[in-house]
Amino acid sequence: LADLIPKEQTRVKAFRQQHGKTVVGQITVDMMY
């Protein structure tokens, strides 16, 4: 699990950079993380 966490953090960071301001209902993607 320890080696999966950095990969997931990198994936989440990239996702947030691309979609961080996308509005999903009344919340943004940034709010979900």
PDB file of N, CA and C in Angstrom:
ATOM      1  N   LEU A   1       0.833  -1.213   0.000  1.00  0.00           N
ATOM      2  CA  LEU A   1       0.000   0.000   0.000  1.00  0.00           C
ATOM      3  C   LEU A   1       0.864   1.257   0.000  1.00  0.00           C
ATOM      4  N   ALA A   2       1.970   1.223   0.707  1.00  0.00           N
ATOM      5  CA  ALA A   2       2.819   2.415   0.823  1.00  0.00           C
ATOM      6  C   ALA A   2       3.309   2.906  -0.533  1.00  0.00           C
ATOM      7  N   ASP A   3       3.540   1.988  -1.459  1.00  0.00           N
ATOM      8  CA  ASP A   3       4.010   2.425  -2.779  1.00  0.00           C
ATOM      9  C   ASP A   3       2.862   2.857  -3.695  1.00  0.00           C
ATOM     10  N   LEU A   4       1.631   2.549  -3.319  1.00  0.00           N
ATOM     11  CA  LEU A   4       0.485   3.000  -4.104  1.00  0.00           C
ATOM     12  C   LEU A   4       0.118   4.447  -3.786  1.00  0.00           C
ATOM     13  N   ILE A   5       0.333   4.843  -2.546  1.00  0.00           N
ATOM     14  CA  ILE A   5      -0.088   6.175  -2.107  1.00  0.00           C
ATOM     15  C   ILE A   5       0.563   7.298  -2.926  1.00  0.00           C
ATOM     16  N   PRO A   6       1.887   7.292  -3.112  1.00  0.00           N
ATOM     17  CA  PRO A   6       2.483   8.377  -3.924  1.00  0.00           C
ATOM     18  C   PRO A   6       1.938   8.419  -5.349  1.00  0.00           C
ATOM     19  N   LYS A   7       1.679   7.256  -5.931  1.00  0.00           N
ATOM     20  CA  LYS A   7       1.113   7.215  -7.283  1.00  0.00           C
ATOM     21  C   LYS A   7      -0.272   7.852  -7.297  1.00  0.00           C
ATOM     22  N   GLU A   8      -1.065   7.529  -6.296  1.00  0.00           N
ATOM     23  CA  GLU A   8      -2.418   8.085  -6.216  1.00  0.00           C
ATOM     24  C   GLU A   8      -2.361   9.589  -5.987  1.00  0.00           C
ATOM     25  N   GLN A   9      -1.457  10.044  -5.134  1.00  0.00           N
ATOM     26  CA  GLN A   9      -1.321  11.481  -4.886  1.00  0.00           C
ATOM     27  C   GLN A   9      -0.931  12.209  -6.168  1.00  0.00           C
ATOM     28  N   THR A  10      -0.049  11.607  -6.943  1.00  0.00           N
ATOM     29  CA  THR A  10       0.364  12.204  -8.214  1.00  0.00           C
ATOM     30  C   THR A  10      -0.811  12.263  -9.179  1.00  0.00           C
ATOM     31  N   ARG A  11      -1.585  11.183  -9.216  1.00  0.00           N
ATOM     32  CA  ARG A  11      -2.746  11.136 -10.107  1.00  0.00           C
ATOM     33  C   ARG A  11      -3.782  12.183  -9.706  1.00  0.00           C
ATOM     34  N   VAL A  12      -4.028  12.278  -8.388  1.00  0.00           N
ATOM     35  CA  VAL A  12      -4.989  13.257  -7.884  1.00  0.00           C
ATOM     36  C   VAL A  12      -4.519  14.673  -8.194  1.00  0.00           C
ATOM     37  N   LYS A  13      -3.236  14.926  -8.008  1.00  0.00           N
ATOM     38  CA  LYS A  13      -2.699  16.259  -8.280  1.00  0.00           C
ATOM     39  C   LYS A  13      -2.895  16.633  -9.747  1.00  0.00           C
ATOM     40  N   ALA A  14      -2.605  15.694 -10.642  1.00  0.00           N
ATOM     41  CA  ALA A  14      -2.772  15.950 -12.071  1.00  0.00           C
ATOM     42  C   ALA A  14      -4.244  16.172 -12.411  1.00  0.00           C
ATOM     43  N   PHE A  15      -5.117  15.369 -11.809  1.00  0.00           N
ATOM     44  CA  PHE A  15      -6.552  15.512 -12.039  1.00  0.00           C
ATOM     45  C   PHE A  15      -7.035  16.879 -11.574  1.00  0.00           C
ATOM     46  N   ARG A  16      -6.557  17.307 -10.394  1.00  0.00           N
ATOM     47  CA  ARG A  16      -6.971  18.606  -9.870  1.00  0.00           C
ATOM     48  C   ARG A  16      -6.466  19.742 -10.741  1.00  0.00           C
ATOM     49  N   GLN A  17      -5.258  19.614 -11.285  1.00  0.00           N
ATOM     50  CA  GLN A  17      -4.730  20.664 -12.155  1.00  0.00           C
ATOM     51  C   GLN A  17      -5.587  20.808 -13.408  1.00  0.00           C
ATOM     52  N   GLN A  18      -6.091  19.695 -13.902  1.00  0.00           N
ATOM     53  CA  GLN A  18      -6.903  19.726 -15.119  1.00  0.00           C
ATOM     54  C   GLN A  18      -8.348  20.130 -14.839  1.00  0.00           C
ATOM     55  N   HIS A  19      -8.881  19.661 -13.714  1.00  0.00           N
ATOM     56  CA  HIS A  19     -10.322  19.785 -13.473  1.00  0.00           C
ATOM     57  C   HIS A  19     -10.675  20.500 -12.171  1.00  0.00           C
ATOM     58  N   GLY A  20      -9.692  21.121 -11.534  1.00  0.00           N
ATOM     59  CA  GLY A  20      -9.909  21.703 -10.211  1.00  0.00           C
ATOM     60  C   GLY A  20     -11.020  22.728 -10.140  1.00  0.00           C
ATOM     61  N   LYS A  21     -11.276  23.425 -11.234  1.00  0.00           N
ATOM     62  CA  LYS A  21     -12.308  24.460 -11.227  1.00  0.00           C
ATOM     63  C   LYS A  21     -13.609  23.985 -11.860  1.00  0.00           C
ATOM     64  N   THR A  22     -13.663  22.716 -12.236  1.00  0.00           N
ATOM     65  CA  THR A  22     -14.886  22.174 -12.812  1.00  0.00           C
ATOM     66  C   THR A  22     -15.969  22.117 -11.738  1.00  0.00           C
ATOM     67  N   VAL A  23     -17.124  22.660 -12.037  1.00  0.00           N
ATOM     68  CA  VAL A  23     -18.222  22.645 -11.075  1.00  0.00           C
ATOM     69  C   VAL A  23     -19.001  21.348 -11.227  1.00  0.00           C
ATOM     70  N   VAL A  24     -19.172  20.645 -10.098  1.00  0.00           N
ATOM     71  CA  VAL A  24     -19.950  19.410 -10.069  1.00  0.00           C
ATOM     72  C   VAL A  24     -21.117  19.688  -9.124  1.00  0.00           C
ATOM     73  N   GLY A  25     -22.284  19.957  -9.680  1.00  0.00           N
ATOM     74  CA  GLY A  25     -23.391  20.392  -8.843  1.00  0.00           C
ATOM     75  C   GLY A  25     -23.024  21.738  -8.224  1.00  0.00           C
ATOM     76  N   GLN A  26     -23.079  21.820  -6.909  1.00  0.00           N
ATOM     77  CA  GLN A  26     -22.735  23.061  -6.230  1.00  0.00           C
ATOM     78  C   GLN A  26     -21.345  23.029  -5.626  1.00  0.00           C
ATOM     79  N   ILE A  27     -20.584  21.977  -5.906  1.00  0.00           N
ATOM     80  CA  ILE A  27     -19.228  21.882  -5.376  1.00  0.00           C
ATOM     81  C   ILE A  27     -18.236  21.781  -6.519  1.00  0.00           C
ATOM     82  N   THR A  28     -16.993  22.168  -6.240  1.00  0.00           N
ATOM     83  CA  THR A  28     -15.951  22.029  -7.246  1.00  0.00           C
ATOM     84  C   THR A  28     -15.170  20.757  -6.981  1.00  0.00           C
ATOM     85  N   VAL A  29     -14.417  20.342  -7.962  1.00  0.00           N
ATOM     86  CA  VAL A  29     -13.571  19.159  -7.797  1.00  0.00           C
ATOM     87  C   VAL A  29     -12.598  19.379  -6.640  1.00  0.00           C
ATOM     88  N   ASP A  30     -12.076  20.618  -6.499  1.00  0.00           N
ATOM     89  CA  ASP A  30     -11.154  20.905  -5.399  1.00  0.00           C
ATOM     90  C   ASP A  30     -11.766  20.578  -4.037  1.00  0.00           C
ATOM     91  N   MET A  31     -13.058  20.816  -3.890  1.00  0.00           N
ATOM     92  CA  MET A  31     -13.704  20.573  -2.598  1.00  0.00           C
ATOM     93  C   MET A  31     -13.753  19.091  -2.244  1.00  0.00           C
ATOM     94  N   MET A  32     -13.706  18.230  -3.241  1.00  0.00           N
ATOM     95  CA  MET A  32     -13.797  16.793  -2.979  1.00  0.00           C
ATOM     96  C   MET A  32     -12.503  16.215  -2.444  1.00  0.00           C
ATOM     97  N   TYR A  33     -11.399  16.955  -2.592  1.00  0.00           N
ATOM     98  CA  TYR A  33     -10.113  16.457  -2.124  1.00  0.00           C
ATOM     99  C   TYR A  33      -9.673  17.235  -0.905  1.00  0.00           C
TER     100      TYR A  33
END
